[in-house]
PDB file of N, CA and C in Angstrom:
ATOM      1  N   MET A   1      63.665  -1.700   5.502  1.00  0.00           N
ATOM      2  CA  MET A   1      62.824  -2.374   4.221  1.00  0.00           C
ATOM      3  C   MET A   1      61.345  -2.107   4.674  1.00  0.00           C
ATOM      4  N   MET A   2      60.532  -1.701   4.164  1.00  0.00           N
ATOM      5  CA  MET A   2      59.194  -1.582   3.985  1.00  0.00           C
ATOM      6  C   MET A   2      58.346  -3.268   3.323  1.00  0.00           C
ATOM      7  N   ARG A   3      57.749  -3.379   4.328  1.00  0.00           N
ATOM      8  CA  ARG A   3      56.918  -4.442   3.860  1.00  0.00           C
ATOM      9  C   ARG A   3      55.275  -4.197   3.690  1.00  0.00           C
ATOM     10  N   PHE A   4      54.827  -4.152   2.173  1.00  0.00           N
ATOM     11  CA  PHE A   4      53.367  -3.703   2.134  1.00  0.00           C
ATOM     12  C   PHE A   4      52.480  -5.001   1.976  1.00  0.00           C
ATOM     13  N   ARG A   5      51.223  -5.031   2.452  1.00  0.00           N
ATOM     14  CA  ARG A   5      50.294  -6.041   1.898  1.00  0.00           C
ATOM     15  C   ARG A   5      49.299  -5.121   1.313  1.00  0.00           C
ATOM     16  N   ASN A   6      48.780  -6.000   0.571  1.00  0.00           N
ATOM     17  CA  ASN A   6      47.590  -6.258  -0.638  1.00  0.00           C
ATOM     18  C   ASN A   6      46.543  -5.866  -0.200  1.00  0.00           C
ATOM     19  N   ALA A   7      45.509  -5.823  -0.967  1.00  0.00           N
ATOM     20  CA  ALA A   7      43.812  -5.924  -0.918  1.00  0.00           C
ATOM     21  C   ALA A   7      43.261  -7.096  -0.692  1.00  0.00           C
ATOM     22  N   ILE A   8      44.126  -8.042  -1.201  1.00  0.00           N
ATOM     23  CA  ILE A   8      43.365  -9.489  -0.567  1.00  0.00           C
ATOM     24  C   ILE A   8      43.651 -10.008   0.109  1.00  0.00           C
ATOM     25  N   GLY A   9      43.667  -9.528   1.130  1.00  0.00           N
ATOM     26  CA  GLY A   9      44.185 -10.202   2.713  1.00  0.00           C
ATOM     27  C   GLY A   9      45.434 -10.341   3.139  1.00  0.00           C
ATOM     28  N   GLY A  10      46.315  -9.800   2.915  1.00  0.00           N
ATOM     29  CA  GLY A  10      47.674  -9.998   3.087  1.00  0.00           C
ATOM     30  C   GLY A  10      48.915 -10.933   2.128  1.00  0.00           C
ATOM     31  N   VAL A  11      49.742 -10.171   2.171  1.00  0.00           N
ATOM     32  CA  VAL A  11      50.641 -11.248   1.437  1.00  0.00           C
ATOM     33  C   VAL A  11      51.122 -12.256   2.413  1.00  0.00           C
ATOM     34  N   GLY A  12      51.034 -13.354   1.416  1.00  0.00           N
ATOM     35  CA  GLY A  12      51.446 -14.855   2.380  1.00  0.00           C
ATOM     36  C   GLY A  12      51.053 -15.056   3.358  1.00  0.00           C
ATOM     37  N   VAL A  13      49.664 -14.988   3.705  1.00  0.00           N
ATOM     38  CA  VAL A  13      49.300 -15.152   4.672  1.00  0.00           C
ATOM     39  C   VAL A  13      48.253 -16.170   4.142  1.00  0.00           C
ATOM     40  N   ALA A  14      48.049 -16.948   5.225  1.00  0.00           N
ATOM     41  CA  ALA A  14      47.052 -18.559   4.770  1.00  0.00           C
ATOM     42  C   ALA A  14      45.656 -18.070   5.163  1.00  0.00           C
ATOM     43  N   LEU A  15      44.503 -18.112   4.648  1.00  0.00           N
ATOM     44  CA  LEU A  15      43.384 -18.097   5.577  1.00  0.00           C
ATOM     45  C   LEU A  15      42.364 -19.424   5.512  1.00  0.00           C
ATOM     46  N   PHE A  16      42.114 -19.152   6.602  1.00  0.00           N
ATOM     47  CA  PHE A  16      41.479 -20.127   7.399  1.00  0.00           C
ATOM     48  C   PHE A  16      40.218 -20.556   6.795  1.00  0.00           C
ATOM     49  N   LEU A  17      39.787 -21.804   6.265  1.00  0.00           N
ATOM     50  CA  LEU A  17      38.317 -21.786   5.409  1.00  0.00           C
ATOM     51  C   LEU A  17      37.268 -23.132   6.551  1.00  0.00           C
ATOM     52  N   THR A  18      37.925 -23.918   6.627  1.00  0.00           N
ATOM     53  CA  THR A  18      37.310 -25.415   7.173  1.00  0.00           C
ATOM     54  C   THR A  18      38.053 -26.145   7.689  1.00  0.00           C
ATOM     55  N   SER A  19      38.156 -26.900   8.336  1.00  0.00           N
ATOM     56  CA  SER A  19      38.830 -28.543   8.442  1.00  0.00           C
ATOM     57  C   SER A  19      38.005 -29.848   7.936  1.00  0.00           C
ATOM     58  N   CYS A  20      38.624 -30.664   7.758  1.00  0.00           N
ATOM     59  CA  CYS A  20      38.259 -32.107   7.182  1.00  0.00           C
ATOM     60  C   CYS A  20      39.125 -32.546   7.456  1.00  0.00           C
ATOM     61  N   GLY A  21      38.922 -33.752   8.766  1.00  0.00           N
ATOM     62  CA  GLY A  21      39.926 -35.083   8.845  1.00  0.00           C
ATOM     63  C   GLY A  21      40.639 -34.193   9.728  1.00  0.00           C
ATOM     64  N   ASP A  22      42.413 -34.929   9.405  1.00  0.00           N
ATOM     65  CA  ASP A  22      43.561 -34.794   9.929  1.00  0.00           C
ATOM     66  C   ASP A  22      43.898 -32.998   9.216  1.00  0.00           C
ATOM     67  N   CYS A  23      43.691 -32.795   7.862  1.00  0.00           N
ATOM     68  CA  CYS A  23      43.570 -31.506   7.531  1.00  0.00           C
ATOM     69  C   CYS A  23      42.939 -30.182   7.793  1.00  0.00           C
ATOM     70  N   THR A  24      43.438 -29.403   7.526  1.00  0.00           N
ATOM     71  CA  THR A  24      42.902 -28.422   7.890  1.00  0.00           C
ATOM     72  C   THR A  24      42.313 -27.737   5.830  1.00  0.00           C
ATOM     73  N   LEU A  25      41.847 -27.012   5.523  1.00  0.00           N
ATOM     74  CA  LEU A  25      41.196 -26.669   4.259  1.00  0.00           C
ATOM     75  C   LEU A  25      41.772 -25.028   4.315  1.00  0.00           C
ATOM     76  N   VAL A  26      43.153 -24.707   4.593  1.00  0.00           N
ATOM     77  CA  VAL A  26      43.789 -23.676   4.517  1.00  0.00           C
ATOM     78  C   VAL A  26      44.337 -23.301   2.973  1.00  0.00           C
ATOM     79  N   GLY A  27      43.829 -22.044   2.568  1.00  0.00           N
ATOM     80  CA  GLY A  27      44.703 -21.818   1.186  1.00  0.00           C
ATOM     81  C   GLY A  27      45.356 -20.780   1.405  1.00  0.00           C
ATOM     82  N   CYS A  28      46.079 -20.427   0.207  1.00  0.00           N
ATOM     83  CA  CYS A  28      47.849 -19.814   0.467  1.00  0.00           C
ATOM     84  C   CYS A  28      47.698 -18.915  -0.661  1.00  0.00           C
ATOM     85  N   LEU A  29      48.240 -18.385  -1.132  1.00  0.00           N
ATOM     86  CA  LEU A  29      48.625 -17.162  -2.358  1.00  0.00           C
ATOM     87  C   LEU A  29      50.044 -17.667  -2.873  1.00  0.00           C
ATOM     88  N   ASP A  30      49.416 -18.037  -4.105  1.00  0.00           N
ATOM     89  CA  ASP A  30      50.497 -18.262  -5.116  1.00  0.00           C
ATOM     90  C   ASP A  30      51.132 -16.839  -5.848  1.00  0.00           C
ATOM     91  N   GLY A  31      52.546 -17.015  -5.866  1.00  0.00           N
ATOM     92  CA  GLY A  31      52.878 -15.668  -6.980  1.00  0.00           C
ATOM     93  C   GLY A  31      54.167 -14.609  -6.444  1.00  0.00           C
ATOM     94  N   LEU A  32      54.459 -13.640  -6.417  1.00  0.00           N
ATOM     95  CA  LEU A  32      55.480 -12.886  -6.252  1.00  0.00           C
ATOM     96  C   LEU A  32      55.160 -11.603  -5.642  1.00  0.00           C
ATOM     97  N   GLU A  33      55.778 -11.477  -4.284  1.00  0.00           N
ATOM     98  CA  GLU A  33      55.693  -9.715  -3.831  1.00  0.00           C
ATOM     99  C   GLU A  33      56.642  -9.119  -4.157  1.00  0.00           C
ATOM    100  N   VAL A  34      56.855  -7.983  -3.947  1.00  0.00           N
ATOM    101  CA  VAL A  34      57.517  -6.733  -4.616  1.00  0.00           C
ATOM    102  C   VAL A  34      57.714  -5.814  -3.305  1.00  0.00           C
ATOM    103  N   GLN A  35      58.911  -5.771  -2.507  1.00  0.00           N
ATOM    104  CA  GLN A  35      58.978  -5.461  -1.500  1.00  0.00           C
ATOM    105  C   GLN A  35      59.968  -3.735  -1.854  1.00  0.00           C
ATOM    106  N   LEU A  36      59.361  -2.857  -1.245  1.00  0.00           N
ATOM    107  CA  LEU A  36      60.080  -1.158  -1.761  1.00  0.00           C
ATOM    108  C   LEU A  36      60.925  -1.270  -0.655  1.00  0.00           C
ATOM    109  N   ASP A  37      62.266  -0.288  -1.106  1.00  0.00           N
ATOM    110  CA  ASP A  37      63.281  -0.409  -0.164  1.00  0.00           C
ATOM    111  C   ASP A  37      62.835   1.028   0.663  1.00  0.00           C
ATOM    112  N   GLN A  38      61.602   1.762   0.168  1.00  0.00           N
ATOM    113  CA  GLN A  38      61.117   3.203   0.923  1.00  0.00           C
ATOM    114  C   GLN A  38      59.452   3.284   0.403  1.00  0.00           C
ATOM    115  N   ARG A  39      58.693   3.817   1.568  1.00  0.00           N
ATOM    116  CA  ARG A  39      57.079   3.602   0.974  1.00  0.00           C
ATOM    117  C   ARG A  39      57.108   5.081   0.192  1.00  0.00           C
ATOM    118  N   PRO A  40      56.423   4.776  -0.795  1.00  0.00           N
ATOM    119  CA  PRO A  40      56.372   5.971  -1.735  1.00  0.00           C
ATOM    120  C   PRO A  40      55.127   7.015  -0.807  1.00  0.00           C
ATOM    121  N   THR A  41      55.610   8.291  -0.694  1.00  0.00           N
ATOM    122  CA  THR A  41      54.353   9.034  -0.075  1.00  0.00           C
ATOM    123  C   THR A  41      53.135   9.366  -1.022  1.00  0.00           C
ATOM    124  N   THR A  42      53.383   9.073  -2.079  1.00  0.00           N
ATOM    125  CA  THR A  42      52.326   9.411  -3.384  1.00  0.00           C
ATOM    126  C   THR A  42      51.904   8.410  -4.081  1.00  0.00           C
ATOM    127  N   ALA A  43      50.798   8.551  -4.666  1.00  0.00           N
ATOM    128  CA  ALA A  43      50.082   7.439  -5.889  1.00  0.00           C
ATOM    129  C   ALA A  43      51.616   6.823  -6.682  1.00  0.00           C
ATOM    130  N   PHE A  44      51.685   5.304  -7.022  1.00  0.00           N
ATOM    131  CA  PHE A  44      52.486   4.971  -7.562  1.00  0.00           C
ATOM    132  C   PHE A  44      52.187   3.773  -8.409  1.00  0.00           C
ATOM    133  N   ARG A  45      53.074   2.930  -9.241  1.00  0.00           N
ATOM    134  CA  ARG A  45      52.922   1.821 -10.097  1.00  0.00           C
ATOM    135  C   ARG A  45      54.188   1.352 -10.157  1.00  0.00           C
ATOM    136  N   VAL A  46      53.501  -0.046 -10.244  1.00  0.00           N
ATOM    137  CA  VAL A  46      54.796  -1.285 -10.439  1.00  0.00           C
ATOM    138  C   VAL A  46      54.484  -2.096 -11.244  1.00  0.00           C
ATOM    139  N   GLU A  47      55.726  -2.067 -12.221  1.00  0.00           N
ATOM    140  CA  GLU A  47      55.548  -2.873 -13.377  1.00  0.00           C
ATOM    141  C   GLU A  47      56.560  -4.109 -13.806  1.00  0.00           C
ATOM    142  N   ALA A  48      55.717  -5.035 -13.631  1.00  0.00           N
ATOM    143  CA  ALA A  48      57.186  -6.336 -13.653  1.00  0.00           C
ATOM    144  C   ALA A  48      56.782  -6.751 -15.155  1.00  0.00           C
ATOM    145  N   THR A  49      58.499  -7.322 -15.935  1.00  0.00           N
ATOM    146  CA  THR A  49      58.520  -7.325 -17.208  1.00  0.00           C
ATOM    147  C   THR A  49      59.210  -9.029 -16.702  1.00  0.00           C
ATOM    148  N   SER A  50      58.890  -9.968 -17.992  1.00  0.00           N
ATOM    149  CA  SER A  50      59.526 -11.001 -17.523  1.00  0.00           C
ATOM    150  C   SER A  50      59.464 -11.972 -19.063  1.00  0.00           C
ATOM    151  N   PRO A  51      60.216 -12.422 -19.487  1.00  0.00           N
ATOM    152  CA  PRO A  51      60.502 -13.041 -21.182  1.00  0.00           C
ATOM    153  C   PRO A  51      59.853 -14.144 -20.633  1.00  0.00           C
ATOM    154  N   ASP A  52      59.804 -15.029 -19.647  1.00  0.00           N
ATOM    155  CA  ASP A  52      59.079 -15.934 -19.245  1.00  0.00           C
ATOM    156  C   ASP A  52      57.377 -16.303 -19.049  1.00  0.00           C
ATOM    157  N   ALA A  53      57.194 -15.231 -18.277  1.00  0.00           N
ATOM    158  CA  ALA A  53      56.127 -15.178 -17.291  1.00  0.00           C
ATOM    159  C   ALA A  53      55.425 -13.618 -18.190  1.00  0.00           C
ATOM    160  N   GLY A  54      55.327 -12.668 -19.063  1.00  0.00           N
ATOM    161  CA  GLY A  54      54.786 -11.820 -19.466  1.00  0.00           C
ATOM    162  C   GLY A  54      55.144 -10.548 -18.573  1.00  0.00           C
ATOM    163  N   ASP A  55      54.127  -9.749 -18.736  1.00  0.00           N
ATOM    164  CA  ASP A  55      53.896  -8.617 -17.948  1.00  0.00           C
ATOM    165  C   ASP A  55      52.619  -8.104 -17.279  1.00  0.00           C
ATOM    166  N   GLN A  56      53.181  -7.781 -16.018  1.00  0.00           N
ATOM    167  CA  GLN A  56      52.225  -7.589 -15.251  1.00  0.00           C
ATOM    168  C   GLN A  56      52.230  -5.960 -14.333  1.00  0.00           C
ATOM    169  N   ALA A  57      51.529  -5.579 -13.666  1.00  0.00           N
ATOM    170  CA  ALA A  57      51.378  -4.245 -13.302  1.00  0.00           C
ATOM    171  C   ALA A  57      50.260  -4.158 -11.865  1.00  0.00           C
ATOM    172  N   VAL A  58      50.929  -3.354 -10.986  1.00  0.00           N
ATOM    173  CA  VAL A  58      49.792  -2.882 -10.164  1.00  0.00           C
ATOM    174  C   VAL A  58      49.793  -1.540 -10.111  1.00  0.00           C
ATOM    175  N   GLU A  59      48.771  -0.618  -9.734  1.00  0.00           N
ATOM    176  CA  GLU A  59      48.353   0.490  -9.061  1.00  0.00           C
ATOM    177  C   GLU A  59      48.204   0.442  -7.900  1.00  0.00           C
ATOM    178  N   CYS A  60      48.940   2.210  -7.184  1.00  0.00           N
ATOM    179  CA  CYS A  60      48.340   1.858  -5.879  1.00  0.00           C
ATOM    180  C   CYS A  60      48.103   3.557  -5.481  1.00  0.00           C
ATOM    181  N   ALA A  61      47.021   4.012  -5.208  1.00  0.00           N
ATOM    182  CA  ALA A  61      46.705   5.329  -5.478  1.00  0.00           C
ATOM    183  C   ALA A  61      46.523   5.560  -4.257  1.00  0.00           C
ATOM    184  N   SER A  62      46.638   4.643  -2.858  1.00  0.00           N
ATOM    185  CA  SER A  62      46.595   5.108  -1.479  1.00  0.00           C
ATOM    186  C   SER A  62      47.666   4.326  -1.084  1.00  0.00           C
ATOM    187  N   PRO A  63      48.960   4.756  -1.212  1.00  0.00           N
ATOM    188  CA  PRO A  63      50.454   4.050  -0.595  1.00  0.00           C
ATOM    189  C   PRO A  63      50.294   3.481   0.610  1.00  0.00           C
ATOM    190  N   GLY A  64      49.656   3.947   1.711  1.00  0.00           N
ATOM    191  CA  GLY A  64      49.780   3.556   2.901  1.00  0.00           C
ATOM    192  C   GLY A  64      48.639   2.523   3.464  1.00  0.00           C
ATOM    193  N   THR A  65      47.385   1.904   2.087  1.00  0.00           N
ATOM    194  CA  THR A  65      47.199   1.060   2.188  1.00  0.00           C
ATOM    195  C   THR A  65      47.389  -0.302   1.506  1.00  0.00           C
ATOM    196  N   CYS A  66      48.211  -0.056   0.535  1.00  0.00           N
ATOM    197  CA  CYS A  66      48.111  -1.077  -0.273  1.00  0.00           C
ATOM    198  C   CYS A  66      49.667  -1.936  -0.547  1.00  0.00           C
ATOM    199  N   GLY A  67      49.718  -2.928  -1.217  1.00  0.00           N
ATOM    200  CA  GLY A  67      50.885  -3.475  -1.169  1.00  0.00           C
ATOM    201  C   GLY A  67      50.958  -4.043  -2.680  1.00  0.00           C
ATOM    202  N   VAL A  68      52.491  -4.885  -2.928  1.00  0.00           N
ATOM    203  CA  VAL A  68      52.251  -4.944  -4.250  1.00  0.00           C
ATOM    204  C   VAL A  68      52.428  -6.453  -4.465  1.00  0.00           C
ATOM    205  N   PHE A  69      51.748  -7.002  -4.882  1.00  0.00           N
ATOM    206  CA  PHE A  69      51.381  -8.669  -4.978  1.00  0.00           C
ATOM    207  C   PHE A  69      50.745  -9.304  -6.404  1.00  0.00           C
ATOM    208  N   PHE A  70      52.134  -9.905  -6.990  1.00  0.00           N
ATOM    209  CA  PHE A  70      51.415 -10.558  -8.418  1.00  0.00           C
ATOM    210  C   PHE A  70      50.955 -11.986  -8.151  1.00  0.00           C
ATOM    211  N   ASN A  71      49.774 -12.038  -8.108  1.00  0.00           N
ATOM    212  CA  ASN A  71      49.036 -13.169  -8.163  1.00  0.00           C
ATOM    213  C   ASN A  71      49.021 -14.552  -9.195  1.00  0.00           C
ATOM    214  N   ALA A  72      49.531 -15.442  -8.776  1.00  0.00           N
ATOM    215  CA  ALA A  72      50.239 -16.577 -10.097  1.00  0.00           C
ATOM    216  C   ALA A  72      50.832 -15.748 -11.047  1.00  0.00           C
ATOM    217  N   TYR A  73      51.560 -15.200 -10.554  1.00  0.00           N
ATOM    218  CA  TYR A  73      52.853 -14.472 -11.171  1.00  0.00           C
ATOM    219  C   TYR A  73      54.167 -15.388 -10.917  1.00  0.00           C
ATOM    220  N   ARG A  74      54.852 -15.959 -11.514  1.00  0.00           N
ATOM    221  CA  ARG A  74      56.192 -16.766 -11.129  1.00  0.00           C
ATOM    222  C   ARG A  74      57.624 -16.917 -12.013  1.00  0.00           C
ATOM    223  N   PRO A  75      57.768 -15.741 -12.277  1.00  0.00           N
ATOM    224  CA  PRO A  75      58.981 -15.586 -13.470  1.00  0.00           C
ATOM    225  C   PRO A  75      60.435 -15.887 -12.802  1.00  0.00           C
ATOM    226  N   THR A  76      60.890 -16.891 -13.819  1.00  0.00           N
ATOM    227  CA  THR A  76      62.236 -16.792 -13.263  1.00  0.00           C
ATOM    228  C   THR A  76      63.403 -15.659 -13.253  1.00  0.00           C
ATOM    229  N   ILE A  77      63.144 -14.678 -13.861  1.00  0.00           N
ATOM    230  CA  ILE A  77      63.723 -13.449 -13.881  1.00  0.00           C
ATOM    231  C   ILE A  77      62.924 -12.252 -14.323  1.00  0.00           C
ATOM    232  N   VAL A  78      63.044 -11.086 -13.527  1.00  0.00           N
ATOM    233  CA  VAL A  78      62.367 -10.329 -13.430  1.00  0.00           C
ATOM    234  C   VAL A  78      62.803  -9.013 -13.408  1.00  0.00           C
ATOM    235  N   THR A  79      62.423  -7.973 -14.700  1.00  0.00           N
ATOM    236  CA  THR A  79      62.643  -6.630 -14.668  1.00  0.00           C
ATOM    237  C   THR A  79      61.176  -5.801 -13.948  1.00  0.00           C
ATOM    238  N   LEU A  80      61.865  -4.774 -12.424  1.00  0.00           N
ATOM    239  CA  LEU A  80      60.766  -4.157 -11.904  1.00  0.00           C
ATOM    240  C   LEU A  80      61.120  -2.506 -12.516  1.00  0.00           C
ATOM    241  N   ARG A  81      59.909  -1.650 -12.477  1.00  0.00           N
ATOM    242  CA  ARG A  81      59.844  -0.402 -12.983  1.00  0.00           C
ATOM    243  C   ARG A  81      58.923   0.201 -11.636  1.00  0.00           C
ATOM    244  N   VAL A  82      59.350   0.556 -10.909  1.00  0.00           N
ATOM    245  CA  VAL A  82      58.749   1.633 -10.098  1.00  0.00           C
ATOM    246  C   VAL A  82      58.469   3.283 -10.430  1.00  0.00           C
ATOM    247  N   ILE A  83      57.327   3.487 -10.549  1.00  0.00           N
ATOM    248  CA  ILE A  83      57.293   4.765 -11.384  1.00  0.00           C
ATOM    249  C   ILE A  83      56.479   5.693 -10.279  1.00  0.00           C
ATOM    250  N   ARG A  84      56.570   7.148  -9.815  1.00  0.00           N
ATOM    251  CA  ARG A  84      55.750   7.851  -8.842  1.00  0.00           C
ATOM    252  C   ARG A  84      56.133   8.958  -9.775  1.00  0.00           C
ATOM    253  N   GLY A  85      54.660   9.811 -10.081  1.00  0.00           N
ATOM    254  CA  GLY A  85      54.874  10.717 -10.961  1.00  0.00           C
ATOM    255  C   GLY A  85      55.407  10.725 -12.124  1.00  0.00           C
ATOM    256  N   ALA A  86      56.550  11.715 -12.564  1.00  0.00           N
ATOM    257  CA  ALA A  86      57.318  11.532 -13.507  1.00  0.00           C
ATOM    258  C   ALA A  86      58.794  11.158 -13.520  1.00  0.00           C
ATOM    259  N   ASP A  87      58.606  10.107 -11.868  1.00  0.00           N
ATOM    260  CA  ASP A  87      60.041   9.277 -11.876  1.00  0.00           C
ATOM    261  C   ASP A  87      59.893   7.854 -11.834  1.00  0.00           C
ATOM    262  N   THR A  88      60.962   7.762 -12.045  1.00  0.00           N
ATOM    263  CA  THR A  88      61.152   5.642 -12.992  1.00  0.00           C
ATOM    264  C   THR A  88      62.409   5.031 -12.109  1.00  0.00           C
ATOM    265  N   VAL A  89      62.389   4.574 -11.380  1.00  0.00           N
ATOM    266  CA  VAL A  89      63.103   3.541 -10.838  1.00  0.00           C
ATOM    267  C   VAL A  89      63.369   2.536 -11.491  1.00  0.00           C
ATOM    268  N   THR A  90      64.184   1.708 -11.949  1.00  0.00           N
ATOM    269  CA  THR A  90      64.500   0.575 -12.611  1.00  0.00           C
ATOM    270  C   THR A  90      65.058  -0.502 -11.854  1.00  0.00           C
ATOM    271  N   THR A  91      64.799  -1.757 -11.717  1.00  0.00           N
ATOM    272  CA  THR A  91      65.659  -2.886 -10.826  1.00  0.00           C
ATOM    273  C   THR A  91      65.354  -4.184 -11.910  1.00  0.00           C
ATOM    274  N   ALA A  92      66.320  -4.211 -12.685  1.00  0.00           N
ATOM    275  CA  ALA A  92      66.565  -4.841 -13.536  1.00  0.00           C
ATOM    276  C   ALA A  92      66.958  -6.467 -13.107  1.00  0.00           C
ATOM    277  N   ASN A  93      66.814  -7.517 -13.931  1.00  0.00           N
ATOM    278  CA  ASN A  93      67.238  -8.727 -14.078  1.00  0.00           C
ATOM    279  C   ASN A  93      67.528  -9.134 -12.540  1.00  0.00           C
ATOM    280  N   VAL A  94      66.299  -9.659 -12.005  1.00  0.00           N
ATOM    281  CA  VAL A  94      66.077 -10.126 -10.491  1.00  0.00           C
ATOM    282  C   VAL A  94      65.887 -11.195 -10.558  1.00  0.00           C
ATOM    283  N   ARG A  95      66.228 -11.834  -9.593  1.00  0.00           N
ATOM    284  CA  ARG A  95      65.665 -13.809  -9.941  1.00  0.00           C
ATOM    285  C   ARG A  95      65.368 -13.738  -8.539  1.00  0.00           C
ATOM    286  N   PRO A  96      63.752 -13.805  -8.374  1.00  0.00           N
ATOM    287  CA  PRO A  96      63.159 -14.563  -7.247  1.00  0.00           C
ATOM    288  C   PRO A  96      63.209 -15.624  -6.748  1.00  0.00           C
ATOM    289  N   VAL A  97      63.338 -15.847  -5.470  1.00  0.00           N
ATOM    290  CA  VAL A  97      63.351 -17.227  -4.866  1.00  0.00           C
ATOM    291  C   VAL A  97      62.278 -17.598  -4.192  1.00  0.00           C
ATOM    292  N   TYR A  98      61.514 -18.876  -4.545  1.00  0.00           N
ATOM    293  CA  TYR A  98      60.169 -19.089  -4.410  1.00  0.00           C
ATOM    294  C   TYR A  98      60.505 -20.399  -3.465  1.00  0.00           C
ATOM    295  N   GLU A  99      59.528 -19.763  -2.480  1.00  0.00           N
ATOM    296  CA  GLU A  99      59.405 -20.636  -1.119  1.00  0.00           C
ATOM    297  C   GLU A  99      58.300 -21.586  -1.444  1.00  0.00           C
ATOM    298  N   ARG A 100      58.237 -22.813  -1.022  1.00  0.00           N
ATOM    299  CA  ARG A 100      57.110 -23.900  -1.301  1.00  0.00           C
ATOM    300  C   ARG A 100      56.415 -23.657   0.000  1.00  0.00           C
ATOM    301  N   LEU A 101      54.824 -23.448  -0.025  1.00  0.00           N
ATOM    302  CA  LEU A 101      54.071 -23.508   1.119  1.00  0.00           C
ATOM    303  C   LEU A 101      52.968 -24.490   0.979  1.00  0.00           C
ATOM    304  N   ARG A 102      53.003 -25.368   2.189  1.00  0.00           N
ATOM    305  CA  ARG A 102      51.962 -26.298   2.196  1.00  0.00           C
ATOM    306  C   ARG A 102      51.024 -26.026   3.480  1.00  0.00           C
ATOM    307  N   PRO A 103      50.318 -25.029   3.677  1.00  0.00           N
ATOM    308  CA  PRO A 103      49.650 -24.488   4.837  1.00  0.00           C
ATOM    309  C   PRO A 103      48.967 -25.471   5.629  1.00  0.00           C
ATOM    310  N   ASN A 104      48.972 -26.637   5.074  1.00  0.00           N
ATOM    311  CA  ASN A 104      47.645 -27.648   5.465  1.00  0.00           C
ATOM    312  C   ASN A 104      48.291 -28.846   5.871  1.00  0.00           C
ATOM    313  N   GLY A 105      49.907 -28.755   5.949  1.00  0.00           N
ATOM    314  CA  GLY A 105      50.608 -30.195   5.960  1.00  0.00           C
ATOM    315  C   GLY A 105      51.039 -31.078   5.350  1.00  0.00           C
ATOM    316  N   ALA A 106      52.335 -31.602   5.081  1.00  0.00           N
ATOM    317  CA  ALA A 106      52.687 -32.342   4.043  1.00  0.00           C
ATOM    318  C   ALA A 106      51.913 -33.278   3.246  1.00  0.00           C
ATOM    319  N   GLY A 107      50.605 -34.173   3.948  1.00  0.00           N
ATOM    320  CA  GLY A 107      50.144 -34.800   3.524  1.00  0.00           C
ATOM    321  C   GLY A 107      48.631 -34.797   3.128  1.00  0.00           C
ATOM    322  N   CYS A 108      48.801 -33.171   2.974  1.00  0.00           N
ATOM    323  CA  CYS A 108      47.303 -32.647   2.863  1.00  0.00           C
ATOM    324  C   CYS A 108      47.410 -31.867   1.382  1.00  0.00           C
ATOM    325  N   PRO A 109      46.100 -31.405   0.969  1.00  0.00           N
ATOM    326  CA  PRO A 109      45.992 -30.775  -0.612  1.00  0.00           C
ATOM    327  C   PRO A 109      46.406 -29.494  -0.049  1.00  0.00           C
ATOM    328  N   GLY A 110      46.688 -28.518  -0.586  1.00  0.00           N
ATOM    329  CA  GLY A 110      46.824 -27.136  -1.068  1.00  0.00           C
ATOM    330  C   GLY A 110      48.684 -26.948  -1.101  1.00  0.00           C
ATOM    331  N   ASP A 111      49.160 -26.264  -2.322  1.00  0.00           N
ATOM    332  CA  ASP A 111      50.720 -26.196  -1.796  1.00  0.00           C
ATOM    333  C   ASP A 111      50.754 -25.294  -3.227  1.00  0.00           C
ATOM    334  N   CYS A 112      51.584 -24.087  -2.705  1.00  0.00           N
ATOM    335  CA  CYS A 112      51.344 -22.548  -3.300  1.00  0.00           C
ATOM    336  C   CYS A 112      53.368 -22.353  -3.323  1.00  0.00           C
ATOM    337  N   ARG A 113      53.296 -21.748  -4.718  1.00  0.00           N
ATOM    338  CA  ARG A 113      54.748 -21.307  -4.364  1.00  0.00           C
ATOM    339  C   ARG A 113      54.691 -19.882  -4.096  1.00  0.00           C
ATOM    340  N   TYR A 114      55.682 -19.001  -3.103  1.00  0.00           N
ATOM    341  CA  TYR A 114      55.352 -17.557  -2.854  1.00  0.00           C
ATOM    342  C   TYR A 114      56.749 -17.013  -3.214  1.00  0.00           C
ATOM    343  N   GLY A 115      57.191 -16.387  -3.405  1.00  0.00           N
ATOM    344  CA  GLY A 115      58.692 -15.459  -3.569  1.00  0.00           C
ATOM    345  C   GLY A 115      58.663 -14.187  -3.425  1.00  0.00           C
ATOM    346  N   ARG A 116      59.525 -13.427  -2.627  1.00  0.00           N
ATOM    347  CA  ARG A 116      59.902 -12.120  -2.359  1.00  0.00           C
ATOM    348  C   ARG A 116      60.710 -11.514  -2.973  1.00  0.00           C
ATOM    349  N   VAL A 117      60.879 -10.307  -3.547  1.00  0.00           N
ATOM    350  CA  VAL A 117      61.928  -9.503  -4.316  1.00  0.00           C
ATOM    351  C   VAL A 117      61.889  -8.167  -3.734  1.00  0.00           C
ATOM    352  N   THR A 118      62.950  -7.422  -3.874  1.00  0.00           N
ATOM    353  CA  THR A 118      63.117  -6.085  -3.578  1.00  0.00           C
ATOM    354  C   THR A 118      63.514  -4.837  -4.422  1.00  0.00           C
ATOM    355  N   ALA A 119      62.641  -4.058  -4.349  1.00  0.00           N
ATOM    356  CA  ALA A 119      63.070  -3.015  -5.432  1.00  0.00           C
ATOM    357  C   ALA A 119      62.929  -1.766  -4.637  1.00  0.00           C
ATOM    358  N   ARG A 120      64.019  -0.682  -5.720  1.00  0.00           N
ATOM    359  CA  ARG A 120      63.895   0.658  -5.287  1.00  0.00           C
ATOM    360  C   ARG A 120      63.012   1.314  -5.844  1.00  0.00           C
ATOM    361  N   ALA A 121      62.454   2.242  -4.697  1.00  0.00           N
ATOM    362  CA  ALA A 121      61.340   3.201  -5.277  1.00  0.00           C
ATOM    363  C   ALA A 121      61.716   4.782  -5.320  1.00  0.00           C
ATOM    364  N   PRO A 122      61.415   5.296  -6.351  1.00  0.00           N
ATOM    365  CA  PRO A 122      61.504   6.744  -6.151  1.00  0.00           C
ATOM    366  C   PRO A 122      62.064   7.541  -5.121  1.00  0.00           C
ATOM    367  N   ARG A 123      63.129   8.608  -5.036  1.00  0.00           N
ATOM    368  CA  ARG A 123      62.932   8.781  -3.704  1.00  0.00           C
ATOM    369  C   ARG A 123      62.291  10.245  -4.030  1.00  0.00           C
TER     370      ARG A 123
END
């Protein structure tokens, strides 16, 4: 299973900003990561459709350098379509499990919900 990274600094990675008292001010990403079961070798697109969170899409022109992360997107159920050229694979009715991230500690500000799902890619 391949794990992809996106253009905004890496998926699920906290970014160090500064320190304030006993708490650091580390940011985190809130949203949904889509892991593909195999890395496409040519440009691809991932579309996410959810009745409660709407539709999102990510284009990847350089497959070796981008990942699939939907920032601030937390559907309770989602259908994913991976499109590569004329080929499309649909993974329907996925229920993401979200992890609560508190990179600064329980008593400090900063709270994100981060989910991961896996989708099939066209062969």
